[in-house]
């Protein structure tokens, strides 16, 4: 199942591993992504803590962890091909994988709630 944050990160959970990235909305607001800085595997993250930076032609934005967890993998492909974040932000453009405690997901939005949140931003 996939969950979303108000800061436009998503996390898709499979057992105790959560794959994290930014939403299509976030990448569209950034513009063309030119650089992604990610943490090293083994890094412990707190919920809401910055775990990296995404830089675009328009701006640089911090990335925030949707849950507490330990980084078990980073998408190394993004160092050579940061444009994957624009092309497929919720697929090949994923950023990190975390070993998580699934109880930390309870206050995140599901897809329907996130879509409603985006509608609220437009009004």
N, C-alpha and C. Protein backbone atom coordinates (compact mmCIF):
# COMPACT_ATOMS: atom_id res chain seq x y z
N UNK A 1 0.84 -1.18 0.00
CA UNK A 1 0.00 0.00 0.00
C UNK A 1 0.88 1.25 0.00
N UNK A 2 0.38 2.31 -0.61
CA UNK A 2 1.15 3.55 -0.73
C UNK A 2 0.52 4.62 0.15
N UNK A 3 1.39 5.39 0.81
CA UNK A 3 0.97 6.48 1.68
C UNK A 3 1.69 7.76 1.27
N UNK A 4 1.12 8.90 1.67
CA UNK A 4 1.63 10.21 1.26
C UNK A 4 1.75 11.17 2.44
N UNK A 5 2.65 12.16 2.29
CA UNK A 5 2.83 13.18 3.32
C UNK A 5 2.39 14.54 2.78
N UNK A 6 2.21 15.48 3.68
CA UNK A 6 1.86 16.85 3.29
C UNK A 6 3.03 17.55 2.60
N UNK A 7 4.24 17.01 2.74
CA UNK A 7 5.41 17.58 2.07
C UNK A 7 5.68 16.88 0.74
N UNK A 8 4.73 16.06 0.30
CA UNK A 8 4.72 15.45 -1.04
C UNK A 8 5.73 14.33 -1.25
N UNK A 9 6.04 13.61 -0.17
CA UNK A 9 6.77 12.35 -0.31
C UNK A 9 5.75 11.21 -0.30
N UNK A 10 6.11 10.11 -0.92
CA UNK A 10 5.28 8.91 -0.85
C UNK A 10 6.12 7.78 -0.28
N UNK A 11 5.45 6.79 0.29
CA UNK A 11 6.11 5.58 0.76
C UNK A 11 5.22 4.40 0.40
N UNK A 12 5.81 3.43 -0.26
CA UNK A 12 5.10 2.20 -0.59
C UNK A 12 5.72 1.09 0.25
N UNK A 13 4.87 0.41 1.00
CA UNK A 13 5.35 -0.55 2.00
C UNK A 13 5.10 -1.98 1.53
N UNK A 14 6.15 -2.78 1.65
CA UNK A 14 6.08 -4.20 1.37
C UNK A 14 6.74 -4.89 2.55
N UNK A 15 5.92 -5.49 3.41
CA UNK A 15 6.37 -6.10 4.66
C UNK A 15 6.97 -4.99 5.54
N UNK A 16 8.24 -5.04 5.87
CA UNK A 16 8.85 -4.01 6.72
C UNK A 16 9.79 -3.08 5.93
N UNK A 17 9.70 -3.13 4.60
CA UNK A 17 10.53 -2.28 3.76
C UNK A 17 9.64 -1.24 3.08
N UNK A 18 10.01 0.02 3.26
CA UNK A 18 9.28 1.11 2.64
C UNK A 18 10.14 1.78 1.58
N UNK A 19 9.62 1.88 0.37
CA UNK A 19 10.29 2.59 -0.72
C UNK A 19 9.75 4.01 -0.73
N UNK A 20 10.65 5.00 -0.75
CA UNK A 20 10.28 6.41 -0.60
C UNK A 20 10.72 7.20 -1.83
N UNK A 21 9.88 8.17 -2.21
CA UNK A 21 10.21 9.09 -3.29
C UNK A 21 9.34 10.33 -3.17
N UNK A 22 9.39 11.17 -4.18
CA UNK A 22 8.51 12.35 -4.19
C UNK A 22 7.38 12.12 -5.19
N UNK A 23 6.30 12.82 -4.98
CA UNK A 23 5.11 12.64 -5.81
C UNK A 23 5.26 13.34 -7.16
N UNK A 24 4.36 12.99 -8.06
CA UNK A 24 4.31 13.64 -9.35
C UNK A 24 4.06 15.14 -9.19
N UNK A 25 3.20 15.50 -8.23
CA UNK A 25 2.93 16.91 -7.95
C UNK A 25 4.24 17.62 -7.57
N UNK A 26 5.03 17.02 -6.68
CA UNK A 26 6.27 17.63 -6.22
C UNK A 26 7.25 17.84 -7.38
N UNK A 27 7.42 16.81 -8.20
CA UNK A 27 8.38 16.96 -9.31
C UNK A 27 7.90 18.01 -10.30
N UNK A 28 6.58 18.13 -10.49
CA UNK A 28 6.08 19.14 -11.43
C UNK A 28 6.30 20.55 -10.90
N UNK A 29 6.26 20.72 -9.58
CA UNK A 29 6.52 22.02 -8.98
C UNK A 29 8.01 22.38 -9.05
N UNK A 30 8.86 21.37 -8.98
CA UNK A 30 10.31 21.61 -9.01
C UNK A 30 10.81 21.99 -10.40
N UNK A 31 10.26 21.39 -11.42
CA UNK A 31 10.81 21.55 -12.76
C UNK A 31 11.87 20.49 -13.01
N UNK A 32 12.74 20.73 -13.96
CA UNK A 32 13.73 19.72 -14.36
C UNK A 32 14.73 19.46 -13.24
N UNK A 33 14.74 18.23 -12.75
CA UNK A 33 15.66 17.84 -11.68
C UNK A 33 17.05 17.60 -12.27
N UNK A 34 18.06 18.23 -11.65
CA UNK A 34 19.44 18.12 -12.15
C UNK A 34 20.39 17.42 -11.18
N UNK A 35 19.96 17.23 -9.92
CA UNK A 35 20.83 16.61 -8.92
C UNK A 35 19.99 16.09 -7.77
N UNK A 36 20.35 14.91 -7.27
CA UNK A 36 19.69 14.33 -6.10
C UNK A 36 20.77 13.89 -5.12
N UNK A 37 20.68 14.37 -3.88
CA UNK A 37 21.61 13.97 -2.83
C UNK A 37 20.85 13.07 -1.86
N UNK A 38 21.38 11.86 -1.64
CA UNK A 38 20.70 10.88 -0.79
C UNK A 38 21.64 10.41 0.32
N UNK A 39 21.07 9.88 1.41
CA UNK A 39 21.90 9.43 2.53
C UNK A 39 22.59 8.10 2.21
N UNK A 40 23.56 7.75 3.04
CA UNK A 40 24.24 6.47 2.91
C UNK A 40 23.40 5.37 3.52
N UNK A 41 23.46 4.15 2.95
CA UNK A 41 22.80 3.02 3.60
C UNK A 41 23.31 2.89 5.04
N UNK A 42 22.40 2.52 5.92
CA UNK A 42 22.74 2.41 7.34
C UNK A 42 22.34 3.63 8.14
N UNK A 43 22.03 4.74 7.45
CA UNK A 43 21.61 5.96 8.14
C UNK A 43 20.27 5.75 8.82
N UNK A 44 20.19 6.15 10.08
CA UNK A 44 18.93 6.08 10.83
C UNK A 44 18.20 7.40 10.65
N UNK A 45 16.93 7.34 10.27
CA UNK A 45 16.14 8.55 10.05
C UNK A 45 14.97 8.61 11.03
N UNK A 46 14.70 9.81 11.49
CA UNK A 46 13.51 10.05 12.30
C UNK A 46 12.40 10.52 11.37
N UNK A 47 11.18 10.27 11.76
CA UNK A 47 10.03 10.73 10.98
C UNK A 47 10.09 12.25 10.87
N UNK A 48 9.95 12.76 9.64
CA UNK A 48 9.97 14.20 9.40
C UNK A 48 11.35 14.79 9.24
N UNK A 49 12.40 13.99 9.45
CA UNK A 49 13.78 14.49 9.33
C UNK A 49 14.18 14.56 7.85
N UNK A 50 14.97 15.56 7.51
CA UNK A 50 15.49 15.67 6.15
C UNK A 50 16.44 14.52 5.88
N UNK A 51 16.30 13.87 4.73
CA UNK A 51 17.20 12.77 4.37
C UNK A 51 17.99 13.04 3.11
N UNK A 52 17.73 14.16 2.48
CA UNK A 52 18.46 14.48 1.26
C UNK A 52 17.94 15.75 0.63
N UNK A 53 18.45 16.02 -0.56
CA UNK A 53 18.09 17.24 -1.28
C UNK A 53 17.87 16.88 -2.74
N UNK A 54 16.87 17.51 -3.32
CA UNK A 54 16.67 17.41 -4.76
C UNK A 54 16.81 18.81 -5.33
N UNK A 55 17.67 18.95 -6.34
CA UNK A 55 17.91 20.25 -6.96
C UNK A 55 17.36 20.24 -8.37
N UNK A 56 16.71 21.34 -8.71
CA UNK A 56 16.17 21.49 -10.06
C UNK A 56 16.69 22.79 -10.64
N UNK A 57 16.29 23.06 -11.88
CA UNK A 57 16.69 24.31 -12.49
C UNK A 57 16.06 25.50 -11.75
N UNK A 58 14.97 25.27 -11.03
CA UNK A 58 14.27 26.34 -10.31
C UNK A 58 14.74 26.52 -8.87
N UNK A 59 14.99 25.40 -8.15
CA UNK A 59 15.23 25.50 -6.71
C UNK A 59 15.83 24.20 -6.18
N UNK A 60 16.24 24.26 -4.92
CA UNK A 60 16.65 23.06 -4.19
C UNK A 60 15.64 22.85 -3.08
N UNK A 61 15.25 21.59 -2.87
CA UNK A 61 14.27 21.27 -1.85
C UNK A 61 14.75 20.10 -1.01
N UNK A 62 14.55 20.21 0.30
CA UNK A 62 14.85 19.10 1.19
C UNK A 62 13.85 17.99 0.98
N UNK A 63 14.29 16.77 1.25
CA UNK A 63 13.45 15.58 1.22
C UNK A 63 13.24 15.14 2.66
N UNK A 64 12.02 14.79 3.02
CA UNK A 64 11.70 14.45 4.41
C UNK A 64 11.21 13.01 4.53
N UNK A 65 11.70 12.33 5.53
CA UNK A 65 11.32 10.93 5.73
C UNK A 65 9.89 10.84 6.26
N UNK A 66 9.04 10.06 5.60
CA UNK A 66 7.66 9.93 6.06
C UNK A 66 7.52 9.11 7.34
N UNK A 67 8.53 8.31 7.65
CA UNK A 67 8.49 7.45 8.84
C UNK A 67 9.90 7.33 9.43
N UNK A 68 9.97 6.77 10.63
CA UNK A 68 11.26 6.47 11.24
C UNK A 68 11.77 5.16 10.65
N UNK A 69 13.05 5.10 10.36
CA UNK A 69 13.58 3.85 9.82
C UNK A 69 15.06 3.94 9.51
N UNK A 70 15.59 2.82 9.05
CA UNK A 70 17.01 2.71 8.70
C UNK A 70 17.11 2.53 7.19
N UNK A 71 17.95 3.36 6.56
CA UNK A 71 18.15 3.27 5.11
C UNK A 71 18.85 1.95 4.80
N UNK A 72 18.21 1.14 3.95
CA UNK A 72 18.81 -0.13 3.54
C UNK A 72 19.27 -0.11 2.09
N UNK A 73 18.78 0.88 1.33
CA UNK A 73 19.19 0.98 -0.08
C UNK A 73 18.88 2.38 -0.58
N UNK A 74 19.73 2.87 -1.48
CA UNK A 74 19.45 4.13 -2.17
C UNK A 74 19.42 3.85 -3.67
N UNK A 75 18.69 4.67 -4.39
CA UNK A 75 18.61 4.51 -5.84
C UNK A 75 19.84 5.15 -6.47
N UNK A 76 20.88 4.36 -6.64
CA UNK A 76 22.16 4.85 -7.17
C UNK A 76 22.00 5.36 -8.60
N UNK A 77 21.00 4.91 -9.30
CA UNK A 77 20.75 5.34 -10.68
C UNK A 77 20.52 6.85 -10.76
N UNK A 78 20.01 7.44 -9.67
CA UNK A 78 19.68 8.87 -9.68
C UNK A 78 20.92 9.76 -9.75
N UNK A 79 22.09 9.26 -9.33
CA UNK A 79 23.29 10.10 -9.41
C UNK A 79 23.67 10.34 -10.86
N UNK A 80 23.47 9.35 -11.72
CA UNK A 80 23.78 9.51 -13.14
C UNK A 80 22.58 10.00 -13.95
N UNK A 81 21.37 9.70 -13.46
CA UNK A 81 20.16 10.04 -14.22
C UNK A 81 19.10 10.68 -13.32
N UNK A 82 19.38 11.89 -12.79
CA UNK A 82 18.41 12.54 -11.89
C UNK A 82 17.08 12.84 -12.57
N UNK A 83 17.07 12.88 -13.90
CA UNK A 83 15.83 13.15 -14.63
C UNK A 83 14.79 12.06 -14.45
N UNK A 84 15.19 10.89 -13.92
CA UNK A 84 14.21 9.83 -13.62
C UNK A 84 13.16 10.32 -12.63
N UNK A 85 13.53 11.27 -11.77
CA UNK A 85 12.58 11.83 -10.81
C UNK A 85 11.45 12.53 -11.56
N UNK A 86 11.75 13.20 -12.66
CA UNK A 86 10.72 13.85 -13.47
C UNK A 86 9.95 12.85 -14.32
N UNK A 87 10.66 11.90 -14.91
CA UNK A 87 10.03 10.97 -15.84
C UNK A 87 9.12 9.96 -15.15
N UNK A 88 9.52 9.48 -13.97
CA UNK A 88 8.77 8.42 -13.29
C UNK A 88 8.95 8.55 -11.78
N UNK A 89 8.40 9.63 -11.19
CA UNK A 89 8.66 9.92 -9.78
C UNK A 89 8.15 8.85 -8.81
N UNK A 90 7.11 8.11 -9.20
CA UNK A 90 6.57 7.09 -8.30
C UNK A 90 6.88 5.68 -8.80
N UNK A 91 7.94 5.59 -9.62
CA UNK A 91 8.40 4.30 -10.13
C UNK A 91 9.92 4.28 -10.11
N UNK A 92 10.55 4.35 -11.31
CA UNK A 92 12.01 4.29 -11.42
C UNK A 92 12.71 5.44 -10.70
N UNK A 93 11.99 6.51 -10.41
CA UNK A 93 12.58 7.67 -9.73
C UNK A 93 12.51 7.59 -8.22
N UNK A 94 12.26 6.39 -7.66
CA UNK A 94 12.27 6.23 -6.21
C UNK A 94 13.63 6.64 -5.66
N UNK A 95 13.68 6.97 -4.37
CA UNK A 95 14.92 7.51 -3.81
C UNK A 95 15.60 6.60 -2.80
N UNK A 96 14.88 6.19 -1.76
CA UNK A 96 15.50 5.34 -0.74
C UNK A 96 14.55 4.22 -0.36
N UNK A 97 15.14 3.17 0.23
CA UNK A 97 14.35 2.09 0.85
C UNK A 97 14.75 2.06 2.32
N UNK A 98 13.71 1.98 3.17
CA UNK A 98 13.90 1.98 4.62
C UNK A 98 13.37 0.70 5.23
N UNK A 99 14.06 0.23 6.26
CA UNK A 99 13.49 -0.80 7.13
C UNK A 99 12.70 -0.03 8.18
N UNK A 100 11.39 -0.29 8.26
CA UNK A 100 10.52 0.54 9.08
C UNK A 100 9.73 -0.27 10.09
N UNK A 101 9.14 0.47 11.02
CA UNK A 101 8.11 -0.07 11.92
C UNK A 101 6.79 0.38 11.31
N UNK A 102 5.97 -0.54 10.78
CA UNK A 102 4.74 -0.15 10.10
C UNK A 102 3.75 0.66 10.95
N UNK A 103 3.90 0.65 12.25
CA UNK A 103 2.98 1.43 13.08
C UNK A 103 3.14 2.93 12.83
N UNK A 104 4.27 3.35 12.28
CA UNK A 104 4.51 4.75 11.99
C UNK A 104 3.75 5.28 10.78
N UNK A 105 3.00 4.41 10.11
CA UNK A 105 2.26 4.81 8.91
C UNK A 105 0.89 5.38 9.22
N UNK A 106 0.44 5.23 10.46
CA UNK A 106 -0.97 5.50 10.79
C UNK A 106 -1.41 6.94 10.54
N UNK A 107 -0.51 7.92 10.63
CA UNK A 107 -0.94 9.31 10.43
C UNK A 107 -0.62 9.85 9.03
N UNK A 108 -0.25 8.96 8.10
CA UNK A 108 -0.02 9.38 6.72
C UNK A 108 -1.32 9.27 5.93
N UNK A 109 -1.37 9.94 4.78
CA UNK A 109 -2.57 9.93 3.94
C UNK A 109 -2.53 8.77 2.95
N UNK A 110 -3.70 8.19 2.68
CA UNK A 110 -3.81 7.25 1.58
C UNK A 110 -3.98 8.05 0.29
N UNK A 111 -4.06 7.37 -0.85
CA UNK A 111 -4.11 8.07 -2.13
C UNK A 111 -5.31 9.00 -2.23
N UNK A 112 -6.47 8.55 -1.78
CA UNK A 112 -7.68 9.37 -1.86
C UNK A 112 -7.54 10.64 -1.01
N UNK A 113 -7.02 10.50 0.19
CA UNK A 113 -6.83 11.67 1.08
C UNK A 113 -5.80 12.63 0.49
N UNK A 114 -4.75 12.09 -0.13
CA UNK A 114 -3.72 12.94 -0.73
C UNK A 114 -4.30 13.74 -1.90
N UNK A 115 -5.12 13.09 -2.73
CA UNK A 115 -5.75 13.80 -3.85
C UNK A 115 -6.63 14.93 -3.33
N UNK A 116 -7.37 14.68 -2.25
CA UNK A 116 -8.21 15.72 -1.65
C UNK A 116 -7.33 16.85 -1.11
N UNK A 117 -6.19 16.51 -0.51
CA UNK A 117 -5.24 17.51 0.00
C UNK A 117 -4.73 18.38 -1.15
N UNK A 118 -4.40 17.77 -2.29
CA UNK A 118 -3.93 18.54 -3.45
C UNK A 118 -5.02 19.48 -3.96
N UNK A 119 -6.26 19.01 -3.98
CA UNK A 119 -7.38 19.87 -4.40
C UNK A 119 -7.48 21.09 -3.49
N UNK A 120 -7.26 20.89 -2.21
CA UNK A 120 -7.29 21.99 -1.25
C UNK A 120 -6.20 23.01 -1.51
N UNK A 121 -5.07 22.58 -2.01
CA UNK A 121 -3.96 23.48 -2.32
C UNK A 121 -4.28 24.36 -3.53
N UNK A 122 -5.10 23.85 -4.43
CA UNK A 122 -5.42 24.56 -5.66
C UNK A 122 -6.45 25.66 -5.44
N UNK A 123 -7.24 25.52 -4.37
CA UNK A 123 -8.32 26.51 -4.15
C UNK A 123 -7.86 27.70 -3.34
